[in-house]
Protein backbone atom coordinates (compact mmCIF):
# COMPACT_ATOMS: atom_id res chain seq x y z
CA UNK A 1 0.00 0.00 0.00
CA UNK A 2 2.49 2.63 1.22
CA UNK A 3 6.08 2.43 0.00
CA UNK A 4 8.51 5.08 1.27
CA UNK A 5 12.07 5.05 -0.08
CA UNK A 6 14.86 7.39 1.00
CA UNK A 7 12.41 10.01 2.25
CA UNK A 8 13.89 13.20 3.66
CA UNK A 9 12.09 16.38 4.64
CA UNK A 10 14.02 19.48 5.57
CA UNK A 11 12.83 22.89 6.72
CA UNK A 12 14.66 26.15 7.07
CA UNK A 13 14.20 28.02 10.35
CA UNK A 14 15.97 31.34 10.04
CA UNK A 15 19.66 30.41 9.79
CA UNK A 16 19.14 26.74 10.65
CA UNK A 17 18.14 23.74 8.52
CA UNK A 18 15.94 21.22 10.33
CA UNK A 19 16.04 17.60 9.17
CA UNK A 20 12.54 16.45 10.13
CA UNK A 21 12.92 13.14 8.28
CA UNK A 22 16.27 11.63 7.39
CA UNK A 23 16.27 8.85 4.80
CA UNK A 24 13.11 6.99 5.87
CA UNK A 25 12.42 3.61 4.23
CA UNK A 26 9.05 2.17 5.21
CA UNK A 27 6.37 -0.20 3.91
CA UNK A 28 2.82 -0.37 5.24
CA UNK A 29 0.53 -3.06 3.90
CA UNK A 30 -3.19 -2.89 3.20
CA UNK A 31 -5.11 -3.71 6.38
CA UNK A 32 -2.24 -2.89 8.77
CA UNK A 33 -2.82 -1.23 12.15
CA UNK A 34 0.30 0.85 12.79
CA UNK A 35 1.12 3.26 15.60
CA UNK A 36 3.88 5.85 15.54
CA UNK A 37 5.46 7.08 18.76
CA UNK A 38 8.40 9.29 19.58
CA UNK A 39 9.46 12.51 21.28
CA UNK A 40 8.03 15.90 20.41
CA UNK A 41 9.90 17.25 17.42
CA UNK A 42 10.98 13.79 16.31
CA UNK A 43 9.19 13.98 12.96
CA UNK A 44 5.86 12.25 13.67
CA UNK A 45 3.62 15.03 12.35
CA UNK A 46 5.85 15.51 9.32
CA UNK A 47 5.60 11.82 8.44
CA UNK A 48 1.82 11.86 8.86
CA UNK A 49 1.55 14.90 6.57
CA UNK A 50 3.51 13.07 3.89
CA UNK A 51 1.38 9.94 4.25
CA UNK A 52 -1.70 12.13 3.97
CA UNK A 53 -0.44 13.91 0.84
CA UNK A 54 -0.57 17.21 2.74
CA UNK A 55 3.11 17.78 2.04
CA UNK A 56 5.81 16.53 -0.33
CA UNK A 57 9.24 15.15 0.59
CA UNK A 58 12.40 17.10 -0.06
CA UNK A 59 13.86 13.91 -1.54
CA UNK A 60 12.78 10.30 -1.98
CA UNK A 61 9.42 8.81 -2.89
CA UNK A 62 6.16 8.36 -1.00
CA UNK A 63 3.90 5.95 -2.88
CA UNK A 64 0.28 5.21 -2.04
CA UNK A 65 -0.56 2.43 -4.43
CA UNK A 66 0.64 3.62 -7.83
CA UNK A 67 0.72 7.33 -6.94
CA UNK A 68 4.00 8.95 -5.93
CA UNK A 69 3.14 11.94 -3.75
CA UNK A 70 6.49 13.54 -4.60
CA UNK A 71 5.83 13.59 -8.34
CA UNK A 72 2.02 13.70 -8.68
CA UNK A 73 0.19 16.73 -10.04
CA UNK A 74 -1.77 18.96 -7.68
CA UNK A 75 -4.99 17.63 -9.22
CA UNK A 76 -3.97 14.03 -8.52
CA UNK A 77 -2.96 14.93 -4.97
CA UNK A 78 -6.32 16.58 -4.42
CA UNK A 79 -8.16 13.50 -5.70
CA UNK A 80 -6.06 11.25 -3.48
CA UNK A 81 -6.84 13.24 -0.34
CA UNK A 82 -10.54 13.55 -1.17
CA UNK A 83 -11.22 9.92 -2.05
CA UNK A 84 -8.60 7.62 -0.55
CA UNK A 85 -7.37 9.12 2.73
CA UNK A 86 -9.39 9.77 5.87
CA UNK A 87 -8.14 12.10 8.62
CA UNK A 88 -8.94 12.20 12.34
CA UNK A 89 -7.30 14.69 14.70
CA UNK A 90 -7.03 15.31 18.44
CA UNK A 91 -9.47 18.20 18.11
CA UNK A 92 -12.80 16.97 16.78
CA UNK A 93 -13.18 19.87 14.31
CA UNK A 94 -16.97 19.59 14.21
CA UNK A 95 -19.22 22.50 13.22
CA UNK A 96 -21.24 23.24 16.38
CA UNK A 97 -24.38 24.41 14.59
CA UNK A 98 -24.68 21.22 12.49
CA UNK A 99 -26.04 17.85 13.58
CA UNK A 100 -23.89 14.73 13.66
CA UNK A 101 -25.33 13.64 10.31
CA UNK A 102 -24.72 17.06 8.76
CA UNK A 103 -21.12 17.09 10.02
CA UNK A 104 -20.51 13.69 8.44
CA UNK A 105 -22.14 14.83 5.22
CA UNK A 106 -19.75 17.80 5.04
CA UNK A 107 -16.87 15.37 4.52
CA UNK A 108 -18.49 14.04 1.36
CA UNK A 109 -18.79 17.39 -0.45
CA UNK A 110 -15.52 17.04 -2.44
CA UNK A 111 -16.64 13.71 -3.92
CA UNK A 112 -19.53 15.12 -5.95
CA UNK A 113 -21.96 12.39 -4.91
CA UNK A 114 -25.71 12.56 -5.38
CA UNK A 115 -28.03 13.27 -2.44
CA UNK A 116 -29.22 9.69 -2.05
CA UNK A 117 -25.71 8.25 -2.10
CA UNK A 118 -24.56 10.80 0.45
CA UNK A 119 -27.47 9.98 2.75
CA UNK A 120 -26.67 6.28 2.48
CA UNK A 121 -23.03 6.82 3.33
CA UNK A 122 -23.81 9.11 6.27
CA UNK A 123 -26.20 6.58 7.79
CA UNK A 124 -23.73 3.75 7.20
CA UNK A 125 -20.83 5.64 8.79
CA UNK A 126 -22.81 6.64 11.87
CA UNK A 127 -23.93 3.03 12.26
CA UNK A 128 -20.29 1.88 12.04
CA UNK A 129 -19.29 4.08 14.97
CA UNK A 130 -22.38 3.28 17.03
CA UNK A 131 -24.12 6.63 16.71
CA UNK A 132 -27.09 5.87 14.47
CA UNK A 133 -29.39 7.05 17.27
CA UNK A 134 -27.52 10.36 17.64
CA UNK A 135 -27.69 11.49 14.01
CA UNK A 136 -29.79 14.58 14.82
CA UNK A 137 -27.74 15.66 17.85
CA UNK A 138 -25.43 18.66 17.69
CA UNK A 139 -21.86 18.45 19.09
CA UNK A 140 -22.83 20.29 22.29
CA UNK A 141 -25.32 17.52 23.02
CA UNK A 142 -22.68 14.79 22.72
CA UNK A 143 -19.88 13.62 25.03
CA UNK A 144 -16.24 14.03 23.99
CA UNK A 145 -16.05 10.39 22.97
CA UNK A 146 -19.22 10.70 20.91
CA UNK A 147 -17.88 13.82 19.19
CA UNK A 148 -14.72 11.95 18.23
CA UNK A 149 -16.86 9.12 16.89
CA UNK A 150 -18.66 11.64 14.69
CA UNK A 151 -15.26 12.83 13.46
CA UNK A 152 -14.33 9.23 12.67
CA UNK A 153 -17.63 8.72 10.85
CA UNK A 154 -16.95 11.84 8.78
CA UNK A 155 -13.58 10.36 7.78
CA UNK A 156 -14.83 6.86 6.90
CA UNK A 157 -18.01 7.95 5.09
CA UNK A 158 -15.97 8.55 1.95
CA UNK A 159 -14.76 4.91 2.19
CA UNK A 160 -11.03 5.66 2.17
CA UNK A 161 -8.24 3.13 1.77
CA UNK A 162 -6.46 4.43 4.87
CA UNK A 163 -7.36 6.33 8.03
CA UNK A 164 -4.66 8.61 9.47
CA UNK A 165 -5.22 9.62 13.09
CA UNK A 166 -3.14 12.20 14.96
CA UNK A 167 -3.55 11.72 18.74
CA UNK A 168 -7.22 10.71 18.32
CA UNK A 169 -7.63 9.96 22.05
CA UNK A 170 -5.51 12.83 23.35
CA UNK A 171 -8.49 14.84 24.65
CA UNK A 172 -10.32 11.88 26.19
CA UNK A 173 -10.33 10.15 29.56
CA UNK A 174 -9.44 6.46 29.90
CA UNK A 175 -12.96 5.12 29.42
CA UNK A 176 -13.63 7.25 26.36
CA UNK A 177 -10.16 6.41 25.01
CA UNK A 178 -11.03 2.73 25.15
CA UNK A 179 -14.36 3.40 23.41
CA UNK A 180 -12.59 5.12 20.52
CA UNK A 181 -9.98 2.37 20.31
CA UNK A 182 -12.75 -0.22 20.07
CA UNK A 183 -14.30 1.73 17.18
CA UNK A 184 -10.96 2.03 15.38
CA UNK A 185 -10.17 -1.66 15.90
CA UNK A 186 -13.56 -2.58 14.48
CA UNK A 187 -12.91 -0.53 11.36
CA UNK A 188 -9.47 -2.09 11.00
CA UNK A 189 -10.93 -5.59 11.39
CA UNK A 190 -13.25 -4.75 8.49
CA UNK A 191 -10.22 -4.04 6.30
CA UNK A 192 -9.43 -0.33 6.78
CA UNK A 193 -5.72 0.47 7.07
CA UNK A 194 -5.09 2.44 10.26
CA UNK A 195 -2.07 4.63 11.06
CA UNK A 196 -2.12 6.37 14.44
CA UNK A 197 0.31 8.88 15.92
CA UNK A 198 0.14 8.69 19.71
CA UNK A 199 2.02 9.49 22.91
CA UNK A 200 -0.11 6.95 24.80
CA UNK A 201 1.60 3.58 25.21
CA UNK A 202 -1.77 1.99 26.04
CA UNK A 203 -2.95 2.98 22.56
CA UNK A 204 0.27 1.82 20.89
CA UNK A 205 0.07 -1.57 22.61
CA UNK A 206 -3.16 -2.34 20.74
CA UNK A 207 -1.54 -2.07 17.29
CA UNK A 208 -0.09 -4.92 15.27
CA UNK A 209 2.94 -2.79 14.35
CA UNK A 210 4.62 -0.19 16.53
CA UNK A 211 7.02 2.32 15.00
CA UNK A 212 9.23 4.80 16.83
CA UNK A 213 10.29 8.01 15.12
CA UNK A 214 13.16 9.92 16.67
CA UNK A 215 15.43 12.53 15.05
CA UNK A 216 13.93 11.76 11.68
CA UNK A 217 14.66 8.01 11.79
CA UNK A 218 12.07 5.23 11.95
CA UNK A 219 12.59 2.08 14.03
CA UNK A 220 10.18 -0.86 14.17
CA UNK A 221 9.76 -1.72 17.88
CA UNK A 222 6.89 -4.19 17.47
CA UNK A 223 8.76 -7.16 18.93
CA UNK A 224 10.77 -5.36 21.60
């Protein structure tokens, strides 16, 4: 699915060059559940941005299927993000004046689907995350865990190949964290590739593969 070869990403901060990623080689297969850990500033967010086609590498290749993010046109990158990659963040990023169903529907706008197809996908996604009975509730009427489930539903409604999650349980207590993990594990069991950046070792322990990213270098620590 993902094939990264010799990936570097450098930034210039005033007089200093920052090597956020330094020659990363990585393969992630379809259906994997992968977590990425590491210290702040170690390159985790940079790697996730590259996997999400939100940024391009300074050197090397980042392939999702047959598409190389480094070389693809802006139009192809836009199509990839809209149709094949789902995003979930620590902040739920829901529109407070819209219902759960309307928030999920917003994520489908770039796909140009008809009304009936959108309604089907919204209902399906809310069912997948266990919120079919909360479709008409606004974010302020939902718990933090329920809001994050709406955010997950918004991401999966477009039926992506991969879900990228950046600290998806960071704002939740232990019980709600476990609820969200159960939802994510269910989606992964159904075939969705899952890549999660987390500081929480309890979250990382649930993954089949655990990666550590430090000073721009990736180490597989699954069997340690």
